[in-house]
PDB file of N, CA and C in Angstrom:
ATOM      1  N   UNK A   1     105.992 104.609  64.378  1.00  0.00           N
ATOM      2  CA  UNK A   1     104.875 103.716  64.488  1.00  0.00           C
ATOM      3  C   UNK A   1     103.830 104.253  65.461  1.00  0.00           C
ATOM      4  N   UNK A   2     102.576 104.346  65.060  1.00  0.00           N
ATOM      5  CA  UNK A   2     101.520 104.860  65.958  1.00  0.00           C
ATOM      6  C   UNK A   2     100.521 103.814  66.402  1.00  0.00           C
ATOM      7  N   UNK A   3     100.117 104.022  67.626  1.00  0.00           N
ATOM      8  CA  UNK A   3      99.110 103.098  68.289  1.00  0.00           C
ATOM      9  C   UNK A   3      98.113 104.023  68.946  1.00  0.00           C
ATOM     10  N   UNK A   4      96.886 103.563  69.130  1.00  0.00           N
ATOM     11  CA  UNK A   4      95.885 104.249  69.848  1.00  0.00           C
ATOM     12  C   UNK A   4      95.656 105.675  69.358  1.00  0.00           C
ATOM     13  N   UNK A   5      95.207 105.743  68.083  1.00  0.00           N
ATOM     14  CA  UNK A   5      94.910 107.110  67.526  1.00  0.00           C
ATOM     15  C   UNK A   5      96.192 107.843  67.209  1.00  0.00           C
ATOM     16  N   UNK A   6      96.369 108.980  67.859  1.00  0.00           N
ATOM     17  CA  UNK A   6      97.473 109.879  67.626  1.00  0.00           C
ATOM     18  C   UNK A   6      98.686 109.653  68.534  1.00  0.00           C
ATOM     19  N   UNK A   7      98.621 108.744  69.527  1.00  0.00           N
ATOM     20  CA  UNK A   7      99.641 108.646  70.494  1.00  0.00           C
ATOM     21  C   UNK A   7     100.818 107.728  70.037  1.00  0.00           C
ATOM     22  N   UNK A   8     101.999 108.259  69.943  1.00  0.00           N
ATOM     23  CA  UNK A   8     103.153 107.407  69.624  1.00  0.00           C
ATOM     24  C   UNK A   8     103.364 106.484  70.822  1.00  0.00           C
ATOM     25  N   UNK A   9     104.029 105.338  70.603  1.00  0.00           N
ATOM     26  CA  UNK A   9     104.250 104.319  71.587  1.00  0.00           C
ATOM     27  C   UNK A   9     104.880 104.911  72.840  1.00  0.00           C
ATOM     28  N   UNK A  10     105.918 105.684  72.753  1.00  0.00           N
ATOM     29  CA  UNK A  10     106.597 106.155  73.952  1.00  0.00           C
ATOM     30  C   UNK A  10     105.732 107.076  74.774  1.00  0.00           C
ATOM     31  N   UNK A  11     104.730 107.737  74.180  1.00  0.00           N
ATOM     32  CA  UNK A  11     103.819 108.582  74.983  1.00  0.00           C
ATOM     33  C   UNK A  11     102.792 107.691  75.700  1.00  0.00           C
ATOM     34  N   UNK A  12     102.419 106.606  75.152  1.00  0.00           N
ATOM     35  CA  UNK A  12     101.570 105.653  75.845  1.00  0.00           C
ATOM     36  C   UNK A  12     102.301 105.074  77.035  1.00  0.00           C
ATOM     37  N   UNK A  13     103.496 104.770  76.861  1.00  0.00           N
ATOM     38  CA  UNK A  13     104.366 104.255  78.001  1.00  0.00           C
ATOM     39  C   UNK A  13     104.450 105.312  79.127  1.00  0.00           C
ATOM     40  N   UNK A  14     104.611 106.547  78.691  1.00  0.00           N
ATOM     41  CA  UNK A  14     104.701 107.616  79.685  1.00  0.00           C
ATOM     42  C   UNK A  14     103.397 107.720  80.539  1.00  0.00           C
ATOM     43  N   UNK A  15     102.239 107.584  79.839  1.00  0.00           N
ATOM     44  CA  UNK A  15     100.933 107.653  80.567  1.00  0.00           C
ATOM     45  C   UNK A  15     100.869 106.508  81.573  1.00  0.00           C
ATOM     46  N   UNK A  16     101.228 105.274  81.136  1.00  0.00           N
ATOM     47  CA  UNK A  16     101.124 104.153  82.037  1.00  0.00           C
ATOM     48  C   UNK A  16     102.111 104.282  83.225  1.00  0.00           C
ATOM     49  N   UNK A  17     103.305 104.814  82.944  1.00  0.00           N
ATOM     50  CA  UNK A  17     104.302 105.031  84.004  1.00  0.00           C
ATOM     51  C   UNK A  17     103.760 106.062  85.023  1.00  0.00           C
ATOM     52  N   UNK A  18     103.083 107.090  84.557  1.00  0.00           N
ATOM     53  CA  UNK A  18     102.504 108.041  85.476  1.00  0.00           C
ATOM     54  C   UNK A  18     101.495 107.398  86.390  1.00  0.00           C
ATOM     55  N   UNK A  19     100.664 106.561  85.817  1.00  0.00           N
ATOM     56  CA  UNK A  19      99.629 105.829  86.630  1.00  0.00           C
ATOM     57  C   UNK A  19     100.353 104.966  87.690  1.00  0.00           C
ATOM     58  N   UNK A  20     101.423 104.226  87.211  1.00  0.00           N
ATOM     59  CA  UNK A  20     102.128 103.411  88.134  1.00  0.00           C
ATOM     60  C   UNK A  20     102.735 104.167  89.303  1.00  0.00           C
ATOM     61  N   UNK A  21     103.280 105.343  89.010  1.00  0.00           N
ATOM     62  CA  UNK A  21     103.889 106.250  90.087  1.00  0.00           C
ATOM     63  C   UNK A  21     102.804 106.704  91.043  1.00  0.00           C
ATOM     64  N   UNK A  22     101.646 107.088  90.568  1.00  0.00           N
ATOM     65  CA  UNK A  22     100.524 107.483  91.497  1.00  0.00           C
ATOM     66  C   UNK A  22     100.153 106.331  92.349  1.00  0.00           C
ATOM     67  N   UNK A  23     100.125 105.094  91.781  1.00  0.00           N
ATOM     68  CA  UNK A  23      99.691 103.957  92.576  1.00  0.00           C
ATOM     69  C   UNK A  23     100.766 103.644  93.631  1.00  0.00           C
ATOM     70  N   UNK A  24     102.084 103.790  93.254  1.00  0.00           N
ATOM     71  CA  UNK A  24     103.170 103.514  94.179  1.00  0.00           C
ATOM     72  C   UNK A  24     103.129 104.584  95.302  1.00  0.00           C
ATOM     73  N   UNK A  25     102.858 105.863  94.957  1.00  0.00           N
ATOM     74  CA  UNK A  25     102.800 106.897  95.978  1.00  0.00           C
ATOM     75  C   UNK A  25     101.714 106.597  97.013  1.00  0.00           C
ATOM     76  N   UNK A  26     100.516 106.145  96.502  1.00  0.00           N
ATOM     77  CA  UNK A  26      99.374 105.748  97.393  1.00  0.00           C
ATOM     78  C   UNK A  26      99.851 104.653  98.320  1.00  0.00           C
ATOM     79  N   UNK A  27     100.498 103.655  97.721  1.00  0.00           N
ATOM     80  CA  UNK A  27     100.955 102.493  98.571  1.00  0.00           C
ATOM     81  C   UNK A  27     101.893 102.895  99.689  1.00  0.00           C
ATOM     82  N   UNK A  28     102.852 103.744  99.323  1.00  0.00           N
ATOM     83  CA  UNK A  28     103.873 104.221 100.260  1.00  0.00           C
ATOM     84  C   UNK A  28     103.200 105.065 101.362  1.00  0.00           C
ATOM     85  N   UNK A  29     102.305 105.907 100.972  1.00  0.00           N
ATOM     86  CA  UNK A  29     101.593 106.800 101.989  1.00  0.00           C
ATOM     87  C   UNK A  29     100.804 105.939 102.929  1.00  0.00           C
ATOM     88  N   UNK A  30     100.122 104.921 102.371  1.00  0.00           N
ATOM     89  CA  UNK A  30      99.307 104.057 103.205  1.00  0.00           C
ATOM     90  C   UNK A  30     100.198 103.224 104.157  1.00  0.00           C
ATOM     91  N   UNK A  31     101.327 102.749 103.736  1.00  0.00           N
ATOM     92  CA  UNK A  31     102.193 102.007 104.585  1.00  0.00           C
ATOM     93  C   UNK A  31     102.734 102.847 105.680  1.00  0.00           C
ATOM     94  N   UNK A  32     103.121 104.168 105.337  1.00  0.00           N
ATOM     95  CA  UNK A  32     103.622 105.027 106.348  1.00  0.00           C
ATOM     96  C   UNK A  32     102.610 105.319 107.387  1.00  0.00           C
ATOM     97  N   UNK A  33     101.374 105.574 106.990  1.00  0.00           N
ATOM     98  CA  UNK A  33     100.262 105.815 107.871  1.00  0.00           C
ATOM     99  C   UNK A  33     100.062 104.673 108.884  1.00  0.00           C
ATOM    100  N   UNK A  34     100.049 103.494 108.360  1.00  0.00           N
ATOM    101  CA  UNK A  34      99.807 102.320 109.184  1.00  0.00           C
ATOM    102  C   UNK A  34     100.967 102.086 110.113  1.00  0.00           C
ATOM    103  N   UNK A  35     102.201 102.233 109.570  1.00  0.00           N
ATOM    104  CA  UNK A  35     103.404 102.027 110.423  1.00  0.00           C
ATOM    105  C   UNK A  35     103.474 103.081 111.569  1.00  0.00           C
ATOM    106  N   UNK A  36     103.109 104.298 111.276  1.00  0.00           N
ATOM    107  CA  UNK A  36     103.254 105.374 112.303  1.00  0.00           C
ATOM    108  C   UNK A  36     101.969 105.606 113.031  1.00  0.00           C
ATOM    109  N   UNK A  37     100.887 104.845 112.718  1.00  0.00           N
ATOM    110  CA  UNK A  37      99.587 104.966 113.329  1.00  0.00           C
ATOM    111  C   UNK A  37      99.097 106.461 113.203  1.00  0.00           C
ATOM    112  N   UNK A  38      99.365 107.010 112.045  1.00  0.00           N
ATOM    113  CA  UNK A  38      99.053 108.432 111.759  1.00  0.00           C
ATOM    114  C   UNK A  38      97.688 108.514 111.021  1.00  0.00           C
ATOM    115  N   UNK A  39      96.682 108.955 111.673  1.00  0.00           N
ATOM    116  CA  UNK A  39      95.308 108.977 111.069  1.00  0.00           C
ATOM    117  C   UNK A  39      95.186 110.035 110.014  1.00  0.00           C
ATOM    118  N   UNK A  40      95.923 111.226 110.143  1.00  0.00           N
ATOM    119  CA  UNK A  40      95.923 112.213 109.113  1.00  0.00           C
ATOM    120  C   UNK A  40      96.481 111.633 107.821  1.00  0.00           C
ATOM    121  N   UNK A  41      97.644 111.047 107.903  1.00  0.00           N
ATOM    122  CA  UNK A  41      98.274 110.410 106.669  1.00  0.00           C
ATOM    123  C   UNK A  41      97.346 109.369 106.070  1.00  0.00           C
ATOM    124  N   UNK A  42      96.633 108.618 106.916  1.00  0.00           N
ATOM    125  CA  UNK A  42      95.671 107.628 106.459  1.00  0.00           C
ATOM    126  C   UNK A  42      94.594 108.286 105.603  1.00  0.00           C
ATOM    127  N   UNK A  43      94.063 109.371 106.128  1.00  0.00           N
ATOM    128  CA  UNK A  43      93.012 110.087 105.386  1.00  0.00           C
ATOM    129  C   UNK A  43      93.534 110.648 104.100  1.00  0.00           C
ATOM    130  N   UNK A  44      94.789 111.171 104.096  1.00  0.00           N
ATOM    131  CA  UNK A  44      95.452 111.662 102.933  1.00  0.00           C
ATOM    132  C   UNK A  44      95.569 110.533 101.867  1.00  0.00           C
ATOM    133  N   UNK A  45      95.961 109.374 102.356  1.00  0.00           N
ATOM    134  CA  UNK A  45      96.102 108.234 101.379  1.00  0.00           C
ATOM    135  C   UNK A  45      94.788 107.866 100.825  1.00  0.00           C
ATOM    136  N   UNK A  46      93.731 107.874 101.638  1.00  0.00           N
ATOM    137  CA  UNK A  46      92.371 107.514 101.162  1.00  0.00           C
ATOM    138  C   UNK A  46      91.953 108.564 100.119  1.00  0.00           C
ATOM    139  N   UNK A  47      92.169 109.780 100.380  1.00  0.00           N
ATOM    140  CA  UNK A  47      91.798 110.874  99.427  1.00  0.00           C
ATOM    141  C   UNK A  47      92.547 110.726  98.143  1.00  0.00           C
ATOM    142  N   UNK A  48      93.839 110.390  98.284  1.00  0.00           N
ATOM    143  CA  UNK A  48      94.623 110.172  97.065  1.00  0.00           C
ATOM    144  C   UNK A  48      94.121 109.023  96.203  1.00  0.00           C
ATOM    145  N   UNK A  49      93.734 107.942  96.904  1.00  0.00           N
ATOM    146  CA  UNK A  49      93.110 106.768  96.155  1.00  0.00           C
ATOM    147  C   UNK A  49      91.844 107.240  95.479  1.00  0.00           C
ATOM    148  N   UNK A  50      91.025 107.958  96.245  1.00  0.00           N
ATOM    149  CA  UNK A  50      89.703 108.420  95.646  1.00  0.00           C
ATOM    150  C   UNK A  50      89.998 109.302  94.396  1.00  0.00           C
ATOM    151  N   UNK A  51      90.973 110.131  94.449  1.00  0.00           N
ATOM    152  CA  UNK A  51      91.409 110.959  93.293  1.00  0.00           C
ATOM    153  C   UNK A  51      91.792 110.093  92.129  1.00  0.00           C
ATOM    154  N   UNK A  52      92.538 109.107  92.363  1.00  0.00           N
ATOM    155  CA  UNK A  52      92.923 108.241  91.237  1.00  0.00           C
ATOM    156  C   UNK A  52      91.753 107.509  90.672  1.00  0.00           C
ATOM    157  N   UNK A  53      90.842 107.028  91.589  1.00  0.00           N
ATOM    158  CA  UNK A  53      89.617 106.350  91.145  1.00  0.00           C
ATOM    159  C   UNK A  53      88.672 107.276  90.299  1.00  0.00           C
ATOM    160  N   UNK A  54      88.495 108.492  90.818  1.00  0.00           N
ATOM    161  CA  UNK A  54      87.627 109.420  90.095  1.00  0.00           C
ATOM    162  C   UNK A  54      88.310 109.786  88.731  1.00  0.00           C
ATOM    163  N   UNK A  55      89.580 109.959  88.691  1.00  0.00           N
ATOM    164  CA  UNK A  55      90.304 110.255  87.392  1.00  0.00           C
ATOM    165  C   UNK A  55      90.085 109.121  86.412  1.00  0.00           C
ATOM    166  N   UNK A  56      90.087 107.875  86.919  1.00  0.00           N
ATOM    167  CA  UNK A  56      89.855 106.719  86.002  1.00  0.00           C
ATOM    168  C   UNK A  56      88.374 106.802  85.491  1.00  0.00           C
ATOM    169  N   UNK A  57      87.464 107.133  86.397  1.00  0.00           N
ATOM    170  CA  UNK A  57      86.075 107.233  85.966  1.00  0.00           C
ATOM    171  C   UNK A  57      85.900 108.282  84.874  1.00  0.00           C
ATOM    172  N   UNK A  58      86.503 109.475  85.102  1.00  0.00           N
ATOM    173  CA  UNK A  58      86.390 110.559  84.118  1.00  0.00           C
ATOM    174  C   UNK A  58      87.060 110.163  82.787  1.00  0.00           C
ATOM    175  N   UNK A  59      88.187 109.509  82.853  1.00  0.00           N
ATOM    176  CA  UNK A  59      88.873 109.022  81.628  1.00  0.00           C
ATOM    177  C   UNK A  59      88.017 108.069  80.853  1.00  0.00           C
ATOM    178  N   UNK A  60      87.436 107.132  81.561  1.00  0.00           N
ATOM    179  CA  UNK A  60      86.610 106.138  80.883  1.00  0.00           C
ATOM    180  C   UNK A  60      85.242 106.697  80.398  1.00  0.00           C
ATOM    181  N   UNK A  61      84.732 107.642  81.097  1.00  0.00           N
ATOM    182  CA  UNK A  61      83.527 108.352  80.650  1.00  0.00           C
ATOM    183  C   UNK A  61      83.870 109.146  79.294  1.00  0.00           C
ATOM    184  N   UNK A  62      85.002 109.806  79.342  1.00  0.00           N
ATOM    185  CA  UNK A  62      85.410 110.493  78.095  1.00  0.00           C
ATOM    186  C   UNK A  62      85.639 109.605  76.961  1.00  0.00           C
ATOM    187  N   UNK A  63      86.150 108.411  77.212  1.00  0.00           N
ATOM    188  CA  UNK A  63      86.420 107.464  76.123  1.00  0.00           C
ATOM    189  C   UNK A  63      85.091 106.909  75.582  1.00  0.00           C
ATOM    190  N   UNK A  64      84.019 107.008  76.310  1.00  0.00           N
ATOM    191  CA  UNK A  64      82.727 106.516  75.854  1.00  0.00           C
ATOM    192  C   UNK A  64      82.042 107.448  74.921  1.00  0.00           C
ATOM    193  N   UNK A  65      82.537 108.670  74.814  1.00  0.00           N
ATOM    194  CA  UNK A  65      81.926 109.673  73.875  1.00  0.00           C
ATOM    195  C   UNK A  65      82.300 109.345  72.476  1.00  0.00           C
ATOM    196  N   UNK A  66      81.369 109.346  71.603  1.00  0.00           N
ATOM    197  CA  UNK A  66      81.636 108.983  70.190  1.00  0.00           C
ATOM    198  C   UNK A  66      82.579 109.998  69.519  1.00  0.00           C
ATOM    199  N   UNK A  67      83.356 109.543  68.554  1.00  0.00           N
ATOM    200  CA  UNK A  67      84.257 110.440  67.786  1.00  0.00           C
ATOM    201  C   UNK A  67      83.489 111.498  67.027  1.00  0.00           C
ATOM    202  N   UNK A  68      84.165 112.544  66.669  1.00  0.00           N
ATOM    203  CA  UNK A  68      83.506 113.663  65.955  1.00  0.00           C
ATOM    204  C   UNK A  68      83.124 114.789  66.863  1.00  0.00           C
ATOM    205  N   UNK A  69      82.589 115.820  66.300  1.00  0.00           N
ATOM    206  CA  UNK A  69      82.174 116.900  67.090  1.00  0.00           C
ATOM    207  C   UNK A  69      82.882 118.189  66.595  1.00  0.00           C
ATOM    208  N   UNK A  70      82.772 119.206  67.407  1.00  0.00           N
ATOM    209  CA  UNK A  70      83.275 120.525  67.087  1.00  0.00           C
ATOM    210  C   UNK A  70      84.781 120.573  67.009  1.00  0.00           C
ATOM    211  N   UNK A  71      85.452 120.047  68.008  1.00  0.00           N
ATOM    212  CA  UNK A  71      86.901 120.014  68.034  1.00  0.00           C
ATOM    213  C   UNK A  71      87.417 118.607  67.666  1.00  0.00           C
ATOM    214  N   UNK A  72      88.237 118.491  66.708  1.00  0.00           N
ATOM    215  CA  UNK A  72      88.765 117.158  66.314  1.00  0.00           C
ATOM    216  C   UNK A  72      89.775 116.645  67.324  1.00  0.00           C
ATOM    217  N   UNK A  73      89.864 115.321  67.381  1.00  0.00           N
ATOM    218  CA  UNK A  73      90.802 114.648  68.319  1.00  0.00           C
ATOM    219  C   UNK A  73      92.196 114.932  67.871  1.00  0.00           C
ATOM    220  N   UNK A  74      93.120 115.234  68.803  1.00  0.00           N
ATOM    221  CA  UNK A  74      94.510 115.442  68.534  1.00  0.00           C
ATOM    222  C   UNK A  74      95.260 115.142  69.819  1.00  0.00           C
ATOM    223  N   UNK A  75      96.588 115.017  69.722  1.00  0.00           N
ATOM    224  CA  UNK A  75      97.383 114.693  70.852  1.00  0.00           C
ATOM    225  C   UNK A  75      97.345 115.864  71.874  1.00  0.00           C
ATOM    226  N   UNK A  76      97.449 117.093  71.438  1.00  0.00           N
ATOM    227  CA  UNK A  76      97.357 118.213  72.397  1.00  0.00           C
ATOM    228  C   UNK A  76      96.069 118.250  73.128  1.00  0.00           C
ATOM    229  N   UNK A  77      94.961 117.931  72.452  1.00  0.00           N
ATOM    230  CA  UNK A  77      93.642 117.891  73.094  1.00  0.00           C
ATOM    231  C   UNK A  77      93.643 116.778  74.146  1.00  0.00           C
ATOM    232  N   UNK A  78      94.151 115.613  73.849  1.00  0.00           N
ATOM    233  CA  UNK A  78      94.214 114.490  74.815  1.00  0.00           C
ATOM    234  C   UNK A  78      95.001 114.846  76.044  1.00  0.00           C
ATOM    235  N   UNK A  79      96.137 115.560  75.824  1.00  0.00           N
ATOM    236  CA  UNK A  79      97.009 116.006  76.934  1.00  0.00           C
ATOM    237  C   UNK A  79      96.188 116.899  77.837  1.00  0.00           C
ATOM    238  N   UNK A  80      95.527 117.961  77.237  1.00  0.00           N
ATOM    239  CA  UNK A  80      94.788 118.876  77.974  1.00  0.00           C
ATOM    240  C   UNK A  80      93.594 118.188  78.753  1.00  0.00           C
ATOM    241  N   UNK A  81      92.906 117.293  78.073  1.00  0.00           N
ATOM    242  CA  UNK A  81      91.823 116.549  78.732  1.00  0.00           C
ATOM    243  C   UNK A  81      92.312 115.725  79.929  1.00  0.00           C
ATOM    244  N   UNK A  82      93.459 115.043  79.664  1.00  0.00           N
ATOM    245  CA  UNK A  82      94.052 114.236  80.791  1.00  0.00           C
ATOM    246  C   UNK A  82      94.415 115.099  82.006  1.00  0.00           C
ATOM    247  N   UNK A  83      95.086 116.254  81.709  1.00  0.00           N
ATOM    248  CA  UNK A  83      95.441 117.119  82.831  1.00  0.00           C
ATOM    249  C   UNK A  83      94.150 117.718  83.504  1.00  0.00           C
ATOM    250  N   UNK A  84      93.193 118.100  82.671  1.00  0.00           N
ATOM    251  CA  UNK A  84      91.995 118.586  83.250  1.00  0.00           C
ATOM    252  C   UNK A  84      91.248 117.578  84.141  1.00  0.00           C
ATOM    253  N   UNK A  85      91.205 116.335  83.655  1.00  0.00           N
ATOM    254  CA  UNK A  85      90.535 115.223  84.430  1.00  0.00           C
ATOM    255  C   UNK A  85      91.281 115.025  85.785  1.00  0.00           C
ATOM    256  N   UNK A  86      92.637 115.072  85.687  1.00  0.00           N
ATOM    257  CA  UNK A  86      93.388 114.922  86.966  1.00  0.00           C
ATOM    258  C   UNK A  86      93.086 115.999  87.928  1.00  0.00           C
ATOM    259  N   UNK A  87      93.114 117.240  87.487  1.00  0.00           N
ATOM    260  CA  UNK A  87      92.789 118.329  88.390  1.00  0.00           C
ATOM    261  C   UNK A  87      91.412 118.268  88.929  1.00  0.00           C
ATOM    262  N   UNK A  88      90.433 117.983  88.130  1.00  0.00           N
ATOM    263  CA  UNK A  88      89.060 117.823  88.635  1.00  0.00           C
ATOM    264  C   UNK A  88      89.003 116.711  89.668  1.00  0.00           C
ATOM    265  N   UNK A  89      89.661 115.597  89.383  1.00  0.00           N
ATOM    266  CA  UNK A  89      89.638 114.459  90.327  1.00  0.00           C
ATOM    267  C   UNK A  89      90.251 114.880  91.605  1.00  0.00           C
ATOM    268  N   UNK A  90      91.399 115.559  91.570  1.00  0.00           N
ATOM    269  CA  UNK A  90      92.009 116.038  92.804  1.00  0.00           C
ATOM    270  C   UNK A  90      91.126 116.979  93.620  1.00  0.00           C
ATOM    271  N   UNK A  91      90.407 117.902  92.932  1.00  0.00           N
ATOM    272  CA  UNK A  91      89.585 118.793  93.596  1.00  0.00           C
ATOM    273  C   UNK A  91      88.349 118.113  94.203  1.00  0.00           C
ATOM    274  N   UNK A  92      87.792 117.158  93.557  1.00  0.00           N
ATOM    275  CA  UNK A  92      86.681 116.367  94.043  1.00  0.00           C
ATOM    276  C   UNK A  92      87.108 115.655  95.291  1.00  0.00           C
ATOM    277  N   UNK A  93      88.277 114.999  95.268  1.00  0.00           N
ATOM    278  CA  UNK A  93      88.729 114.242  96.419  1.00  0.00           C
ATOM    279  C   UNK A  93      89.067 115.124  97.635  1.00  0.00           C
ATOM    280  N   UNK A  94      89.525 116.393  97.331  1.00  0.00           N
ATOM    281  CA  UNK A  94      89.796 117.314  98.461  1.00  0.00           C
ATOM    282  C   UNK A  94      88.566 117.711  99.243  1.00  0.00           C
ATOM    283  N   UNK A  95      87.462 117.879  98.448  1.00  0.00           N
ATOM    284  CA  UNK A  95      86.171 118.248  99.089  1.00  0.00           C
ATOM    285  C   UNK A  95      85.462 117.068  99.675  1.00  0.00           C
ATOM    286  N   UNK A  96      84.170 117.091  99.365  1.00  0.00           N
ATOM    287  CA  UNK A  96      83.318 115.997  99.861  1.00  0.00           C
ATOM    288  C   UNK A  96      83.587 114.716  99.165  1.00  0.00           C
ATOM    289  N   UNK A  97      84.091 114.792  97.943  1.00  0.00           N
ATOM    290  CA  UNK A  97      84.351 113.581  97.158  1.00  0.00           C
ATOM    291  C   UNK A  97      83.070 112.765  96.851  1.00  0.00           C
ATOM    292  N   UNK A  98      83.316 111.514  96.557  1.00  0.00           N
ATOM    293  CA  UNK A  98      82.130 110.653  96.224  1.00  0.00           C
ATOM    294  C   UNK A  98      81.868 109.720  97.368  1.00  0.00           C
ATOM    295  N   UNK A  99      82.574 109.880  98.424  1.00  0.00           N
ATOM    296  CA  UNK A  99      82.395 109.069  99.626  1.00  0.00           C
ATOM    297  C   UNK A  99      83.318 107.874  99.775  1.00  0.00           C
ATOM    298  N   UNK A 100      84.057 107.642  98.750  1.00  0.00           N
ATOM    299  CA  UNK A 100      84.985 106.450  98.812  1.00  0.00           C
ATOM    300  C   UNK A 100      86.123 106.662  99.842  1.00  0.00           C
ATOM    301  N   UNK A 101      86.678 107.878  99.906  1.00  0.00           N
ATOM    302  CA  UNK A 101      87.745 108.047 100.877  1.00  0.00           C
ATOM    303  C   UNK A 101      87.298 107.819 102.287  1.00  0.00           C
ATOM    304  N   UNK A 102      86.097 108.334 102.619  1.00  0.00           N
ATOM    305  CA  UNK A 102      85.477 108.226 103.966  1.00  0.00           C
ATOM    306  C   UNK A 102      85.279 106.747 104.306  1.00  0.00           C
ATOM    307  N   UNK A 103      84.735 105.963 103.334  1.00  0.00           N
ATOM    308  CA  UNK A 103      84.481 104.562 103.605  1.00  0.00           C
ATOM    309  C   UNK A 103      85.773 103.804 103.810  1.00  0.00           C
ATOM    310  N   UNK A 104      86.820 104.110 102.969  1.00  0.00           N
ATOM    311  CA  UNK A 104      88.053 103.461 103.114  1.00  0.00           C
ATOM    312  C   UNK A 104      88.727 103.842 104.467  1.00  0.00           C
ATOM    313  N   UNK A 105      88.657 105.105 104.829  1.00  0.00           N
ATOM    314  CA  UNK A 105      89.243 105.536 106.122  1.00  0.00           C
ATOM    315  C   UNK A 105      88.588 104.817 107.243  1.00  0.00           C
ATOM    316  N   UNK A 106      87.245 104.700 107.195  1.00  0.00           N
ATOM    317  CA  UNK A 106      86.525 104.001 108.286  1.00  0.00           C
ATOM    318  C   UNK A 106      86.992 102.521 108.459  1.00  0.00           C
ATOM    319  N   UNK A 107      87.178 101.862 107.316  1.00  0.00           N
ATOM    320  CA  UNK A 107      87.612 100.505 107.375  1.00  0.00           C
ATOM    321  C   UNK A 107      89.117 100.355 107.803  1.00  0.00           C
ATOM    322  N   UNK A 108      89.919 101.228 107.167  1.00  0.00           N
ATOM    323  CA  UNK A 108      91.390 101.101 107.443  1.00  0.00           C
ATOM    324  C   UNK A 108      91.677 101.562 108.874  1.00  0.00           C
ATOM    325  N   UNK A 109      91.014 102.566 109.369  1.00  0.00           N
ATOM    326  CA  UNK A 109      91.301 103.068 110.738  1.00  0.00           C
ATOM    327  C   UNK A 109      90.940 101.974 111.719  1.00  0.00           C
ATOM    328  N   UNK A 110      89.934 101.198 111.464  1.00  0.00           N
ATOM    329  CA  UNK A 110      89.571 100.097 112.371  1.00  0.00           C
ATOM    330  C   UNK A 110      90.689  99.154 112.468  1.00  0.00           C
ATOM    331  N   UNK A 111      91.257  98.734 111.357  1.00  0.00           N
ATOM    332  CA  UNK A 111      92.406  97.831 111.352  1.00  0.00           C
ATOM    333  C   UNK A 111      93.600  98.429 112.062  1.00  0.00           C
ATOM    334  N   UNK A 112      93.789  99.789 111.870  1.00  0.00           N
ATOM    335  CA  UNK A 112      94.918 100.415 112.518  1.00  0.00           C
ATOM    336  C   UNK A 112      94.707 100.389 114.055  1.00  0.00           C
ATOM    337  N   UNK A 113      93.521 100.625 114.533  1.00  0.00           N
ATOM    338  CA  UNK A 113      93.243 100.599 115.957  1.00  0.00           C
ATOM    339  C   UNK A 113      93.396  99.161 116.540  1.00  0.00           C
ATOM    340  N   UNK A 114      93.052  98.173 115.746  1.00  0.00           N
ATOM    341  CA  UNK A 114      93.216  96.849 116.188  1.00  0.00           C
ATOM    342  C   UNK A 114      94.658  96.504 116.343  1.00  0.00           C
ATOM    343  N   UNK A 115      95.501  96.890 115.329  1.00  0.00           N
ATOM    344  CA  UNK A 115      96.942  96.711 115.373  1.00  0.00           C
ATOM    345  C   UNK A 115      97.562  97.417 116.549  1.00  0.00           C
ATOM    346  N   UNK A 116      97.067  98.654 116.769  1.00  0.00           N
ATOM    347  CA  UNK A 116      97.605  99.405 117.871  1.00  0.00           C
ATOM    348  C   UNK A 116      97.372  98.776 119.203  1.00  0.00           C
ATOM    349  N   UNK A 117      96.129  98.214 119.385  1.00  0.00           N
ATOM    350  CA  UNK A 117      95.807  97.492 120.629  1.00  0.00           C
ATOM    351  C   UNK A 117      96.677  96.256 120.786  1.00  0.00           C
ATOM    352  N   UNK A 118      96.829  95.480 119.702  1.00  0.00           N
ATOM    353  CA  UNK A 118      97.688  94.278 119.758  1.00  0.00           C
ATOM    354  C   UNK A 118      99.105  94.599 120.077  1.00  0.00           C
ATOM    355  N   UNK A 119      99.675  95.683 119.588  1.00  0.00           N
ATOM    356  CA  UNK A 119     101.048  96.062 119.879  1.00  0.00           C
ATOM    357  C   UNK A 119     101.256  96.489 121.335  1.00  0.00           C
ATOM    358  N   UNK A 120     100.140  97.089 121.956  1.00  0.00           N
ATOM    359  CA  UNK A 120     100.271  97.566 123.269  1.00  0.00           C
ATOM    360  C   UNK A 120     100.199  96.369 124.245  1.00  0.00           C
ATOM    361  N   UNK A 121      99.618  95.304 123.874  1.00  0.00           N
ATOM    362  CA  UNK A 121      99.423  94.121 124.801  1.00  0.00           C
ATOM    363  C   UNK A 121     100.679  93.346 124.918  1.00  0.00           C
TER     364      UNK A 121
END
């Protein structure tokens, strides 16, 4: 049984599981950073979130492109495009990014410092 173009059901499940794992990794990294008051880990978590967000943007922009063109749609092409989007998103987040990681870091580090002060009192 096929759903969503050329993707069999179990491959759709695999994609959603991968997204869940990335989300869970971000959550764990963020919790560790807050628990240990580690600002480097906090920035890493923010960059990871930005990477996931940029990947979602790229995936949705790609889905907005009309069907047809030089290379026909196929499962191998979708796998390649997904891996390519992930790598591009990671590289964007490692560099300047789109500014989301910096904004998140600014907000979350403030709450970390407030918690740190409360724990010292």
